[in-house]
PDB file of N, CA and C in Angstrom:
ATOM      1  N   MET A   1       0.991   8.323  21.733  1.00  0.00           N
ATOM      2  CA  MET A   1       1.051   7.531  20.525  1.00  0.00           C
ATOM      3  C   MET A   1      -0.180   7.835  19.674  1.00  0.00           C
ATOM      4  N   THR A   2       0.032   8.133  18.403  1.00  0.00           N
ATOM      5  CA  THR A   2      -1.092   8.432  17.525  1.00  0.00           C
ATOM      6  C   THR A   2      -1.625   7.155  16.901  1.00  0.00           C
ATOM      7  N   LYS A   3      -2.939   7.081  16.820  1.00  0.00           N
ATOM      8  CA  LYS A   3      -3.605   5.910  16.246  1.00  0.00           C
ATOM      9  C   LYS A   3      -3.638   6.050  14.733  1.00  0.00           C
ATOM     10  N   LYS A   4      -3.280   4.981  14.008  1.00  0.00           N
ATOM     11  CA  LYS A   4      -3.342   5.002  12.557  1.00  0.00           C
ATOM     12  C   LYS A   4      -4.782   4.803  12.113  1.00  0.00           C
ATOM     13  N   SER A   5      -5.219   5.647  11.208  1.00  0.00           N
ATOM     14  CA  SER A   5      -6.568   5.513  10.667  1.00  0.00           C
ATOM     15  C   SER A   5      -6.618   4.354   9.684  1.00  0.00           C
ATOM     16  N   THR A   6      -7.772   3.689   9.650  1.00  0.00           N
ATOM     17  CA  THR A   6      -8.021   2.633   8.677  1.00  0.00           C
ATOM     18  C   THR A   6      -9.287   2.993   7.931  1.00  0.00           C
ATOM     19  N   TYR A   7      -9.255   2.822   6.618  1.00  0.00           N
ATOM     20  CA  TYR A   7     -10.392   3.169   5.765  1.00  0.00           C
ATOM     21  C   TYR A   7     -10.905   1.933   5.040  1.00  0.00           C
ATOM     22  N   ARG A   8     -12.234   1.799   5.006  1.00  0.00           N
ATOM     23  CA  ARG A   8     -12.879   0.764   4.193  1.00  0.00           C
ATOM     24  C   ARG A   8     -13.313   1.446   2.900  1.00  0.00           C
ATOM     25  N   VAL A   9     -12.800   0.958   1.784  1.00  0.00           N
ATOM     26  CA  VAL A   9     -13.073   1.554   0.477  1.00  0.00           C
ATOM     27  C   VAL A   9     -13.894   0.559  -0.327  1.00  0.00           C
ATOM     28  N   THR A  10     -15.062   0.990  -0.789  1.00  0.00           N
ATOM     29  CA  THR A  10     -15.948   0.138  -1.576  1.00  0.00           C
ATOM     30  C   THR A  10     -16.106   0.758  -2.952  1.00  0.00           C
ATOM     31  N   PHE A  11     -15.876  -0.065  -3.993  1.00  0.00           N
ATOM     32  CA  PHE A  11     -15.953   0.447  -5.360  1.00  0.00           C
ATOM     33  C   PHE A  11     -16.353  -0.654  -6.341  1.00  0.00           C
ATOM     34  N   HIS A  12     -16.840  -0.224  -7.520  1.00  0.00           N
ATOM     35  CA  HIS A  12     -17.204  -1.130  -8.606  1.00  0.00           C
ATOM     36  C   HIS A  12     -15.999  -1.385  -9.491  1.00  0.00           C
ATOM     37  N   ASN A  13     -15.850  -2.636  -9.961  1.00  0.00           N
ATOM     38  CA  ASN A  13     -14.807  -2.967 -10.924  1.00  0.00           C
ATOM     39  C   ASN A  13     -15.255  -4.175 -11.734  1.00  0.00           C
ATOM     40  N   GLN A  14     -15.509  -4.004 -13.026  1.00  0.00           N
ATOM     41  CA  GLN A  14     -15.858  -5.069 -13.959  1.00  0.00           C
ATOM     42  C   GLN A  14     -16.984  -5.968 -13.449  1.00  0.00           C
ATOM     43  N   GLY A  15     -18.094  -5.360 -13.055  1.00  0.00           N
ATOM     44  CA  GLY A  15     -19.279  -6.110 -12.633  1.00  0.00           C
ATOM     45  C   GLY A  15     -19.193  -6.684 -11.229  1.00  0.00           C
ATOM     46  N   LYS A  16     -18.173  -6.337 -10.488  1.00  0.00           N
ATOM     47  CA  LYS A  16     -18.008  -6.816  -9.119  1.00  0.00           C
ATOM     48  C   LYS A  16     -17.910  -5.614  -8.180  1.00  0.00           C
ATOM     49  N   VAL A  17     -18.212  -5.852  -6.909  1.00  0.00           N
ATOM     50  CA  VAL A  17     -18.058  -4.828  -5.881  1.00  0.00           C
ATOM     51  C   VAL A  17     -16.887  -5.247  -4.996  1.00  0.00           C
ATOM     52  N   TYR A  18     -15.883  -4.401  -4.936  1.00  0.00           N
ATOM     53  CA  TYR A  18     -14.687  -4.649  -4.135  1.00  0.00           C
ATOM     54  C   TYR A  18     -14.812  -3.886  -2.825  1.00  0.00           C
ATOM     55  N   GLU A  19     -14.421  -4.540  -1.743  1.00  0.00           N
ATOM     56  CA  GLU A  19     -14.339  -3.879  -0.439  1.00  0.00           C
ATOM     57  C   GLU A  19     -12.933  -4.150   0.085  1.00  0.00           C
ATOM     58  N   ILE A  20     -12.125  -3.089   0.165  1.00  0.00           N
ATOM     59  CA  ILE A  20     -10.746  -3.232   0.618  1.00  0.00           C
ATOM     60  C   ILE A  20     -10.489  -2.279   1.783  1.00  0.00           C
ATOM     61  N   TYR A  21      -9.403  -2.528   2.486  1.00  0.00           N
ATOM     62  CA  TYR A  21      -9.020  -1.690   3.631  1.00  0.00           C
ATOM     63  C   TYR A  21      -7.640  -1.105   3.371  1.00  0.00           C
ATOM     64  N   ALA A  22      -7.467   0.157   3.767  1.00  0.00           N
ATOM     65  CA  ALA A  22      -6.195   0.840   3.532  1.00  0.00           C
ATOM     66  C   ALA A  22      -5.927   1.839   4.643  1.00  0.00           C
ATOM     67  N   ARG A  23      -4.664   2.217   4.778  1.00  0.00           N
ATOM     68  CA  ARG A  23      -4.263   3.201   5.782  1.00  0.00           C
ATOM     69  C   ARG A  23      -4.331   4.621   5.249  1.00  0.00           C
ATOM     70  N   LYS A  24      -4.145   4.800   3.938  1.00  0.00           N
ATOM     71  CA  LYS A  24      -4.151   6.148   3.359  1.00  0.00           C
ATOM     72  C   LYS A  24      -5.071   6.193   2.147  1.00  0.00           C
ATOM     73  N   VAL A  25      -5.970   7.174   2.133  1.00  0.00           N
ATOM     74  CA  VAL A  25      -6.874   7.408   1.015  1.00  0.00           C
ATOM     75  C   VAL A  25      -6.960   8.909   0.805  1.00  0.00           C
ATOM     76  N   HIS A  26      -6.726   9.357  -0.437  1.00  0.00           N
ATOM     77  CA  HIS A  26      -6.827  10.788  -0.712  1.00  0.00           C
ATOM     78  C   HIS A  26      -7.038  11.035  -2.192  1.00  0.00           C
ATOM     79  N   GLN A  27      -7.411  12.263  -2.513  1.00  0.00           N
ATOM     80  CA  GLN A  27      -7.615  12.661  -3.898  1.00  0.00           C
ATOM     81  C   GLN A  27      -6.268  12.618  -4.601  1.00  0.00           C
ATOM     82  N   SER A  28      -6.256  12.051  -5.789  1.00  0.00           N
ATOM     83  CA  SER A  28      -5.024  11.876  -6.526  1.00  0.00           C
ATOM     84  C   SER A  28      -4.644  13.120  -7.315  1.00  0.00           C
ATOM     85  N   GLY A  29      -3.381  13.200  -7.664  1.00  0.00           N
ATOM     86  CA  GLY A  29      -2.913  14.236  -8.577  1.00  0.00           C
ATOM     87  C   GLY A  29      -3.403  13.960  -9.997  1.00  0.00           C
ATOM     88  N   LEU A  30      -3.801  12.709 -10.265  1.00  0.00           N
ATOM     89  CA  LEU A  30      -4.410  12.357 -11.550  1.00  0.00           C
ATOM     90  C   LEU A  30      -5.872  12.759 -11.482  1.00  0.00           C
ATOM     91  N   PHE A  31      -6.299  13.648 -12.335  1.00  0.00           N
ATOM     92  CA  PHE A  31      -7.655  14.175 -12.288  1.00  0.00           C
ATOM     93  C   PHE A  31      -8.686  13.048 -12.392  1.00  0.00           C
ATOM     94  N   GLY A  32      -9.635  13.014 -11.460  1.00  0.00           N
ATOM     95  CA  GLY A  32     -10.735  12.058 -11.492  1.00  0.00           C
ATOM     96  C   GLY A  32     -10.449  10.730 -10.817  1.00  0.00           C
ATOM     97  N   PHE A  33      -9.358  10.631 -10.067  1.00  0.00           N
ATOM     98  CA  PHE A  33      -9.003   9.384  -9.407  1.00  0.00           C
ATOM     99  C   PHE A  33      -8.830   9.579  -7.904  1.00  0.00           C
ATOM    100  N   ILE A  34      -9.082   8.500  -7.148  1.00  0.00           N
ATOM    101  CA  ILE A  34      -8.817   8.447  -5.719  1.00  0.00           C
ATOM    102  C   ILE A  34      -7.578   7.573  -5.544  1.00  0.00           C
ATOM    103  N   GLU A  35      -6.625   8.044  -4.773  1.00  0.00           N
ATOM    104  CA  GLU A  35      -5.378   7.312  -4.551  1.00  0.00           C
ATOM    105  C   GLU A  35      -5.481   6.540  -3.240  1.00  0.00           C
ATOM    106  N   ILE A  36      -5.178   5.250  -3.296  1.00  0.00           N
ATOM    107  CA  ILE A  36      -5.267   4.382  -2.124  1.00  0.00           C
ATOM    108  C   ILE A  36      -3.901   3.749  -1.893  1.00  0.00           C
ATOM    109  N   GLU A  37      -3.382   3.893  -0.660  1.00  0.00           N
ATOM    110  CA  GLU A  37      -2.059   3.368  -0.318  1.00  0.00           C
ATOM    111  C   GLU A  37      -2.129   2.501   0.937  1.00  0.00           C
ATOM    112  N   GLU A  38      -1.112   1.689   1.109  1.00  0.00           N
ATOM    113  CA  GLU A  38      -0.956   0.833   2.288  1.00  0.00           C
ATOM    114  C   GLU A  38      -2.185  -0.044   2.510  1.00  0.00           C
ATOM    115  N   LEU A  39      -2.451  -0.923   1.556  1.00  0.00           N
ATOM    116  CA  LEU A  39      -3.573  -1.852   1.672  1.00  0.00           C
ATOM    117  C   LEU A  39      -3.365  -2.770   2.867  1.00  0.00           C
ATOM    118  N   VAL A  40      -4.468  -3.089   3.554  1.00  0.00           N
ATOM    119  CA  VAL A  40      -4.416  -3.914   4.756  1.00  0.00           C
ATOM    120  C   VAL A  40      -5.217  -5.184   4.500  1.00  0.00           C
ATOM    121  N   PHE A  41      -4.592  -6.332   4.774  1.00  0.00           N
ATOM    122  CA  PHE A  41      -5.269  -7.624   4.656  1.00  0.00           C
ATOM    123  C   PHE A  41      -5.251  -8.307   6.006  1.00  0.00           C
ATOM    124  N   GLY A  42      -6.078  -9.351   6.159  1.00  0.00           N
ATOM    125  CA  GLY A  42      -6.172 -10.074   7.427  1.00  0.00           C
ATOM    126  C   GLY A  42      -4.874 -10.760   7.788  1.00  0.00           C
ATOM    127  N   GLU A  43      -4.791 -11.178   9.028  1.00  0.00           N
ATOM    128  CA  GLU A  43      -3.597 -11.865   9.527  1.00  0.00           C
ATOM    129  C   GLU A  43      -3.509 -13.266   8.937  1.00  0.00           C
ATOM    130  N   LYS A  44      -2.275 -13.737   8.754  1.00  0.00           N
ATOM    131  CA  LYS A  44      -2.046 -15.069   8.203  1.00  0.00           C
ATOM    132  C   LYS A  44      -2.279 -16.170   9.231  1.00  0.00           C
ATOM    133  N   SER A  45      -2.482 -15.829  10.482  1.00  0.00           N
ATOM    134  CA  SER A  45      -2.640 -16.836  11.530  1.00  0.00           C
ATOM    135  C   SER A  45      -4.034 -17.474  11.515  1.00  0.00           C
ATOM    136  N   SER A  46      -4.921 -16.962  10.685  1.00  0.00           N
ATOM    137  CA  SER A  46      -6.283 -17.471  10.634  1.00  0.00           C
ATOM    138  C   SER A  46      -6.306 -18.901  10.083  1.00  0.00           C
ATOM    139  N   VAL A  47      -7.092 -19.773  10.712  1.00  0.00           N
ATOM    140  CA  VAL A  47      -7.220 -21.160  10.263  1.00  0.00           C
ATOM    141  C   VAL A  47      -8.130 -21.233   9.044  1.00  0.00           C
ATOM    142  N   VAL A  48      -9.186 -20.434   9.016  1.00  0.00           N
ATOM    143  CA  VAL A  48     -10.126 -20.426   7.912  1.00  0.00           C
ATOM    144  C   VAL A  48      -9.613 -19.477   6.832  1.00  0.00           C
ATOM    145  N   VAL A  49      -9.580 -19.964   5.584  1.00  0.00           N
ATOM    146  CA  VAL A  49      -9.096 -19.154   4.476  1.00  0.00           C
ATOM    147  C   VAL A  49     -10.292 -18.686   3.655  1.00  0.00           C
ATOM    148  N   ASP A  50     -10.405 -17.373   3.476  1.00  0.00           N
ATOM    149  CA  ASP A  50     -11.479 -16.789   2.680  1.00  0.00           C
ATOM    150  C   ASP A  50     -10.994 -16.670   1.234  1.00  0.00           C
ATOM    151  N   PRO A  51     -11.635 -17.374   0.276  1.00  0.00           N
ATOM    152  CA  PRO A  51     -11.157 -17.338  -1.108  1.00  0.00           C
ATOM    153  C   PRO A  51     -11.186 -15.945  -1.733  1.00  0.00           C
ATOM    154  N   SER A  52     -12.206 -15.130  -1.416  1.00  0.00           N
ATOM    155  CA  SER A  52     -12.261 -13.791  -2.011  1.00  0.00           C
ATOM    156  C   SER A  52     -11.134 -12.909  -1.485  1.00  0.00           C
ATOM    157  N   GLU A  53     -10.769 -13.082  -0.204  1.00  0.00           N
ATOM    158  CA  GLU A  53      -9.646 -12.318   0.341  1.00  0.00           C
ATOM    159  C   GLU A  53      -8.340 -12.781  -0.296  1.00  0.00           C
ATOM    160  N   GLU A  54      -8.203 -14.071  -0.534  1.00  0.00           N
ATOM    161  CA  GLU A  54      -7.003 -14.594  -1.184  1.00  0.00           C
ATOM    162  C   GLU A  54      -6.902 -14.069  -2.620  1.00  0.00           C
ATOM    163  N   ASN A  55      -8.049 -13.960  -3.317  1.00  0.00           N
ATOM    164  CA  ASN A  55      -8.057 -13.395  -4.669  1.00  0.00           C
ATOM    165  C   ASN A  55      -7.601 -11.937  -4.648  1.00  0.00           C
ATOM    166  N   LEU A  56      -8.081 -11.186  -3.669  1.00  0.00           N
ATOM    167  CA  LEU A  56      -7.665  -9.788  -3.534  1.00  0.00           C
ATOM    168  C   LEU A  56      -6.175  -9.676  -3.233  1.00  0.00           C
ATOM    169  N   LYS A  57      -5.677 -10.540  -2.347  1.00  0.00           N
ATOM    170  CA  LYS A  57      -4.252 -10.513  -2.016  1.00  0.00           C
ATOM    171  C   LYS A  57      -3.413 -10.759  -3.263  1.00  0.00           C
ATOM    172  N   SER A  58      -3.821 -11.736  -4.071  1.00  0.00           N
ATOM    173  CA  SER A  58      -3.036 -12.026  -5.276  1.00  0.00           C
ATOM    174  C   SER A  58      -3.190 -10.910  -6.315  1.00  0.00           C
ATOM    175  N   GLU A  59      -4.388 -10.318  -6.424  1.00  0.00           N
ATOM    176  CA  GLU A  59      -4.606  -9.230  -7.384  1.00  0.00           C
ATOM    177  C   GLU A  59      -3.788  -7.989  -7.031  1.00  0.00           C
ATOM    178  N   PHE A  60      -3.670  -7.697  -5.743  1.00  0.00           N
ATOM    179  CA  PHE A  60      -2.950  -6.501  -5.303  1.00  0.00           C
ATOM    180  C   PHE A  60      -1.540  -6.821  -4.790  1.00  0.00           C
ATOM    181  N   ASN A  61      -1.048  -8.026  -5.066  1.00  0.00           N
ATOM    182  CA  ASN A  61       0.296  -8.417  -4.643  1.00  0.00           C
ATOM    183  C   ASN A  61       1.340  -7.482  -5.259  1.00  0.00           C
ATOM    184  N   GLY A  62       2.164  -6.880  -4.427  1.00  0.00           N
ATOM    185  CA  GLY A  62       3.221  -5.988  -4.894  1.00  0.00           C
ATOM    186  C   GLY A  62       2.761  -4.572  -5.214  1.00  0.00           C
ATOM    187  N   VAL A  63       1.469  -4.276  -5.027  1.00  0.00           N
ATOM    188  CA  VAL A  63       0.948  -2.934  -5.315  1.00  0.00           C
ATOM    189  C   VAL A  63       1.199  -2.036  -4.112  1.00  0.00           C
ATOM    190  N   GLN A  64       1.910  -0.942  -4.337  1.00  0.00           N
ATOM    191  CA  GLN A  64       2.168   0.019  -3.265  1.00  0.00           C
ATOM    192  C   GLN A  64       1.070   1.070  -3.213  1.00  0.00           C
ATOM    193  N   ARG A  65       0.501   1.385  -4.380  1.00  0.00           N
ATOM    194  CA  ARG A  65      -0.500   2.447  -4.495  1.00  0.00           C
ATOM    195  C   ARG A  65      -1.403   2.086  -5.667  1.00  0.00           C
ATOM    196  N   THR A  66      -2.713   2.315  -5.511  1.00  0.00           N
ATOM    197  CA  THR A  66      -3.638   2.078  -6.613  1.00  0.00           C
ATOM    198  C   THR A  66      -4.516   3.308  -6.803  1.00  0.00           C
ATOM    199  N   TYR A  67      -4.953   3.509  -8.025  1.00  0.00           N
ATOM    200  CA  TYR A  67      -5.791   4.657  -8.376  1.00  0.00           C
ATOM    201  C   TYR A  67      -7.132   4.135  -8.853  1.00  0.00           C
ATOM    202  N   ILE A  68      -8.200   4.554  -8.189  1.00  0.00           N
ATOM    203  CA  ILE A  68      -9.555   4.122  -8.528  1.00  0.00           C
ATOM    204  C   ILE A  68     -10.300   5.322  -9.101  1.00  0.00           C
ATOM    205  N   PRO A  69     -10.949   5.157 -10.277  1.00  0.00           N
ATOM    206  CA  PRO A  69     -11.709   6.273 -10.841  1.00  0.00           C
ATOM    207  C   PRO A  69     -12.822   6.716  -9.890  1.00  0.00           C
ATOM    208  N   MET A  70     -13.023   8.019  -9.770  1.00  0.00           N
ATOM    209  CA  MET A  70     -14.051   8.553  -8.863  1.00  0.00           C
ATOM    210  C   MET A  70     -15.438   7.999  -9.172  1.00  0.00           C
ATOM    211  N   HIS A  71     -15.747   7.799 -10.456  1.00  0.00           N
ATOM    212  CA  HIS A  71     -17.088   7.325 -10.805  1.00  0.00           C
ATOM    213  C   HIS A  71     -17.304   5.860 -10.415  1.00  0.00           C
ATOM    214  N   SER A  72     -16.240   5.141 -10.049  1.00  0.00           N
ATOM    215  CA  SER A  72     -16.366   3.754  -9.596  1.00  0.00           C
ATOM    216  C   SER A  72     -16.574   3.654  -8.085  1.00  0.00           C
ATOM    217  N   MET A  73     -16.308   4.740  -7.366  1.00  0.00           N
ATOM    218  CA  MET A  73     -16.389   4.726  -5.913  1.00  0.00           C
ATOM    219  C   MET A  73     -17.840   4.621  -5.443  1.00  0.00           C
ATOM    220  N   ILE A  74     -18.049   3.800  -4.425  1.00  0.00           N
ATOM    221  CA  ILE A  74     -19.357   3.705  -3.779  1.00  0.00           C
ATOM    222  C   ILE A  74     -19.307   4.480  -2.466  1.00  0.00           C
ATOM    223  N   ARG A  75     -18.306   4.166  -1.639  1.00  0.00           N
ATOM    224  CA  ARG A  75     -18.142   4.907  -0.390  1.00  0.00           C
ATOM    225  C   ARG A  75     -16.773   4.656   0.212  1.00  0.00           C
ATOM    226  N   ILE A  76     -16.385   5.578   1.091  1.00  0.00           N
ATOM    227  CA  ILE A  76     -15.141   5.465   1.845  1.00  0.00           C
ATOM    228  C   ILE A  76     -15.500   5.743   3.295  1.00  0.00           C
ATOM    229  N   ASP A  77     -15.202   4.786   4.176  1.00  0.00           N
ATOM    230  CA  ASP A  77     -15.510   4.921   5.597  1.00  0.00           C
ATOM    231  C   ASP A  77     -14.230   4.820   6.414  1.00  0.00           C
ATOM    232  N   GLU A  78     -14.078   5.690   7.407  1.00  0.00           N
ATOM    233  CA  GLU A  78     -13.003   5.513   8.371  1.00  0.00           C
ATOM    234  C   GLU A  78     -13.551   4.587   9.447  1.00  0.00           C
ATOM    235  N   VAL A  79     -12.864   3.469   9.689  1.00  0.00           N
ATOM    236  CA  VAL A  79     -13.363   2.448  10.607  1.00  0.00           C
ATOM    237  C   VAL A  79     -12.391   2.246  11.768  1.00  0.00           C
ATOM    238  N   GLU A  80     -12.911   1.685  12.855  1.00  0.00           N
ATOM    239  CA  GLU A  80     -12.081   1.423  14.020  1.00  0.00           C
ATOM    240  C   GLU A  80     -11.288   0.135  13.871  1.00  0.00           C
ATOM    241  N   LYS A  81     -11.908  -0.881  13.236  1.00  0.00           N
ATOM    242  CA  LYS A  81     -11.255  -2.171  13.094  1.00  0.00           C
ATOM    243  C   LYS A  81     -11.230  -2.573  11.626  1.00  0.00           C
ATOM    244  N   THR A  82     -10.181  -3.274  11.248  1.00  0.00           N
ATOM    245  CA  THR A  82     -10.078  -3.798   9.885  1.00  0.00           C
ATOM    246  C   THR A  82     -10.948  -5.038   9.775  1.00  0.00           C
ATOM    247  N   GLY A  83     -11.789  -5.075   8.761  1.00  0.00           N
ATOM    248  CA  GLY A  83     -12.618  -6.244   8.497  1.00  0.00           C
ATOM    249  C   GLY A  83     -11.937  -7.133   7.473  1.00  0.00           C
ATOM    250  N   HIS A  84     -12.718  -8.005   6.866  1.00  0.00           N
ATOM    251  CA  HIS A  84     -12.185  -8.900   5.850  1.00  0.00           C
ATOM    252  C   HIS A  84     -12.463  -8.321   4.471  1.00  0.00           C
ATOM    253  N   PRO A  85     -11.412  -8.047   3.697  1.00  0.00           N
ATOM    254  CA  PRO A  85     -11.623  -7.559   2.331  1.00  0.00           C
ATOM    255  C   PRO A  85     -12.366  -8.621   1.527  1.00  0.00           C
ATOM    256  N   LYS A  86     -13.166  -8.175   0.563  1.00  0.00           N
ATOM    257  CA  LYS A  86     -13.927  -9.160  -0.207  1.00  0.00           C
ATOM    258  C   LYS A  86     -14.315  -8.609  -1.567  1.00  0.00           C
ATOM    259  N   ILE A  87     -14.668  -9.541  -2.443  1.00  0.00           N
ATOM    260  CA  ILE A  87     -15.205  -9.224  -3.761  1.00  0.00           C
ATOM    261  C   ILE A  87     -16.558  -9.905  -3.836  1.00  0.00           C
ATOM    262  N   THR A  88     -17.591  -9.137  -4.184  1.00  0.00           N
ATOM    263  CA  THR A  88     -18.918  -9.724  -4.360  1.00  0.00           C
ATOM    264  C   THR A  88     -19.440  -9.387  -5.748  1.00  0.00           C
ATOM    265  N   ASP A  89     -20.370 -10.184  -6.210  1.00  0.00           N
ATOM    266  CA  ASP A  89     -20.968  -9.956  -7.507  1.00  0.00           C
ATOM    267  C   ASP A  89     -21.914  -8.763  -7.412  1.00  0.00           C
ATOM    268  N   ALA A  90     -21.807  -7.820  -8.329  1.00  0.00           N
ATOM    269  CA  ALA A  90     -22.643  -6.613  -8.289  1.00  0.00           C
ATOM    270  C   ALA A  90     -24.109  -6.927  -8.531  1.00  0.00           C
ATOM    271  N   THR A  91     -24.411  -8.067  -9.131  1.00  0.00           N
ATOM    272  CA  THR A  91     -25.804  -8.435  -9.413  1.00  0.00           C
ATOM    273  C   THR A  91     -26.401  -9.306  -8.316  1.00  0.00           C
ATOM    274  N   ASP A  92     -25.655  -9.545  -7.241  1.00  0.00           N
ATOM    275  CA  ASP A  92     -26.138 -10.331  -6.116  1.00  0.00           C
ATOM    276  C   ASP A  92     -27.409  -9.693  -5.553  1.00  0.00           C
ATOM    277  N   SER A  93     -28.444 -10.495  -5.322  1.00  0.00           N
ATOM    278  CA  SER A  93     -29.733  -9.955  -4.862  1.00  0.00           C
ATOM    279  C   SER A  93     -29.635  -9.327  -3.468  1.00  0.00           C
ATOM    280  N   SER A  94     -28.661  -9.740  -2.652  1.00  0.00           N
ATOM    281  CA  SER A  94     -28.517  -9.140  -1.323  1.00  0.00           C
ATOM    282  C   SER A  94     -27.763  -7.816  -1.390  1.00  0.00           C
ATOM    283  N   ASN A  95     -27.170  -7.531  -2.528  1.00  0.00           N
ATOM    284  CA  ASN A  95     -26.407  -6.300  -2.718  1.00  0.00           C
ATOM    285  C   ASN A  95     -27.363  -5.181  -3.135  1.00  0.00           C
ATOM    286  N   LYS A  96     -27.494  -4.158  -2.343  1.00  0.00           N
ATOM    287  CA  LYS A  96     -28.446  -3.089  -2.598  1.00  0.00           C
ATOM    288  C   LYS A  96     -27.774  -1.835  -3.164  1.00  0.00           C
ATOM    289  N   ILE A  97     -26.671  -2.014  -3.878  1.00  0.00           N
ATOM    290  CA  ILE A  97     -25.913  -0.888  -4.405  1.00  0.00           C
ATOM    291  C   ILE A  97     -26.201  -0.724  -5.885  1.00  0.00           C
ATOM    292  N   SER A  98     -26.567   0.490  -6.283  1.00  0.00           N
ATOM    293  CA  SER A  98     -26.787   0.796  -7.695  1.00  0.00           C
ATOM    294  C   SER A  98     -25.584   1.552  -8.222  1.00  0.00           C
ATOM    295  N   PRO A  99     -25.080   1.150  -9.388  1.00  0.00           N
ATOM    296  CA  PRO A  99     -23.918   1.869  -9.923  1.00  0.00           C
ATOM    297  C   PRO A  99     -24.285   3.269 -10.376  1.00  0.00           C
ATOM    298  N   PHE A 100     -23.330   4.173 -10.295  1.00  0.00           N
ATOM    299  CA  PHE A 100     -23.510   5.534 -10.763  1.00  0.00           C
ATOM    300  C   PHE A 100     -23.587   5.499 -12.284  1.00  0.00           C
ATOM    301  N   PRO A 101     -24.511   6.243 -12.908  1.00  0.00           N
ATOM    302  CA  PRO A 101     -24.595   6.216 -14.372  1.00  0.00           C
ATOM    303  C   PRO A 101     -23.281   6.668 -15.005  1.00  0.00           C
ATOM    304  N   VAL A 102     -22.884   5.975 -16.051  1.00  0.00           N
ATOM    305  CA  VAL A 102     -21.618   6.262 -16.710  1.00  0.00           C
ATOM    306  C   VAL A 102     -21.884   6.912 -18.054  1.00  0.00           C
ATOM    307  N   TYR A 103     -21.154   7.965 -18.351  1.00  0.00           N
ATOM    308  CA  TYR A 103     -21.260   8.656 -19.631  1.00  0.00           C
ATOM    309  C   TYR A 103     -20.693   7.767 -20.723  1.00  0.00           C
ATOM    310  N   THR A 104     -21.449   7.543 -21.786  1.00  0.00           N
ATOM    311  CA  THR A 104     -21.015   6.632 -22.850  1.00  0.00           C
ATOM    312  C   THR A 104     -20.289   7.345 -23.972  1.00  0.00           C
ATOM    313  N   GLY A 105     -20.372   8.670 -24.040  1.00  0.00           N
ATOM    314  CA  GLY A 105     -19.665   9.411 -25.058  1.00  0.00           C
ATOM    315  C   GLY A 105     -20.459   9.561 -26.350  1.00  0.00           C
ATOM    316  N   SER A 106     -21.686   9.097 -26.374  1.00  0.00           N
ATOM    317  CA  SER A 106     -22.506   9.178 -27.571  1.00  0.00           C
ATOM    318  C   SER A 106     -23.015  10.613 -27.743  1.00  0.00           C
ATOM    319  N   HIS A 107     -22.865  11.143 -28.953  1.00  0.00           N
ATOM    320  CA  HIS A 107     -23.315  12.497 -29.235  1.00  0.00           C
ATOM    321  C   HIS A 107     -24.494  12.515 -30.197  1.00  0.00           C
ATOM    322  N   ASP A 108     -25.137  11.380 -30.364  1.00  0.00           N
ATOM    323  CA  ASP A 108     -26.287  11.305 -31.267  1.00  0.00           C
ATOM    324  C   ASP A 108     -27.460  12.044 -30.667  1.00  0.00           C
ATOM    325  N   SER A 109     -28.092  12.863 -31.466  1.00  0.00           N
ATOM    326  CA  SER A 109     -29.268  13.563 -30.982  1.00  0.00           C
ATOM    327  C   SER A 109     -30.500  12.774 -31.371  1.00  0.00           C
ATOM    328  N   PRO A 110     -31.570  12.865 -30.557  1.00  0.00           N
ATOM    329  CA  PRO A 110     -32.791  12.134 -30.883  1.00  0.00           C
ATOM    330  C   PRO A 110     -33.394  12.628 -32.184  1.00  0.00           C
ATOM    331  N   LYS A 111     -33.902  11.703 -32.966  1.00  0.00           N
ATOM    332  CA  LYS A 111     -34.507  12.064 -34.257  1.00  0.00           C
ATOM    333  C   LYS A 111     -35.960  12.413 -34.052  1.00  0.00           C
ATOM    334  N   SER A 112     -36.409  13.482 -34.741  1.00  0.00           N
ATOM    335  CA  SER A 112     -37.795  13.870 -34.597  1.00  0.00           C
ATOM    336  C   SER A 112     -38.627  13.371 -35.741  1.00  0.00           C
TER     337      SER A 112
END
């Protein structure tokens, strides 16, 4: 029996850091995107309800596949166990992640 791989995907989205789990992660046919399929969420048998996980479940409800821009990616890890998906504030002092610089499209040259 082959073991299914599980991936922890961490990325930036609108000032927040998302951490989700999926079974399939690969480079997309859309240039500059990572394709994520088969999202994995915690079991419903849990007595304690995590609000950030519930927000993620509702945000990705009905999504079969999602495309994340490469410049938003922080890291992708293959893990042995599925953890709890979560959304954290990117400005949280305990969060030690710096966003990748984003090209703004400005073509103004410095004035001398």
